[in-house]
C-alpha cells in the first residue's frame, strides 16, 4: 500500500508540473495562480499545497525538472565524443543552448520580471542548479579524461557551466557559434596543466 500511495503521489506531482509548464509557457510565470493550477488538474487547493506549499516551490520544481532533462541530453552529447574533448564540450553546450532557445519554459524565464518571475532561477537563485550541473560534469570529465589535472578540470567545468548559463541569459551569437567559443575556453583551461595525454582533437 505505501508503494501504491507513492506512485499515485508521483503521478499527481507530474500532472501538476505538466499543467504548470503549459500555463507558464502560455501566459508566463507572473500570471500563474495556484487556484488555477489546482483547477486545471482537478484537485483541491489543499491537495496542491500538500505537494507544493507555494508558487515559488512550483517554480523551483519546474526548473529542476527541466535541468534534469537537460543533463540527460548533455550526457548523450558527451558520450558521442569521448575521444575528443573539444568536440564533446561543443556538442554538450550546443545541445543546451539549442534546447534553451526552443523550450517555452526557458523563454518564460527570460521574459519574466522581478523576483516573482522565473528569471532568478537562472541568475540570483541558481546556486542549486549550478551545483547539480557542475557535479555531474566534473564526475564525467574525471572518468572520461583522467589525464586532465584535477585543478584544471574543476576550473574548466565551472567555466563551461557558467559560460553556458551566460549565453542562455544573454545570447549574442547562434548556439553553434556560442558553443564553439565556450569549447575554446574550456579546452584552453583543461590544457593549462601542460599534460600531453589528452585525447587528440582540433585543440591540439
Foldseek 3Di string as FASTA:
>chain_A
DVVVVVVVLVVVLVLLLVLQLVVCLVPFLVPDDLCVSCVVSVHDSVSVCVVPVDSVSSLVVNVVVVLVVLVVQLVVLLVVPLLAQLSSQLSSLLSLLVCLVPRSNSVSLLPDDDPSGNVCCLPVVVPVSLVVQLVVQLVVCCVSWVVQDSVLSSVLSSLSSVLSSVCSNPPPDHSNVSSNVSSLVSVCSSCVVVDDPRRDDPND
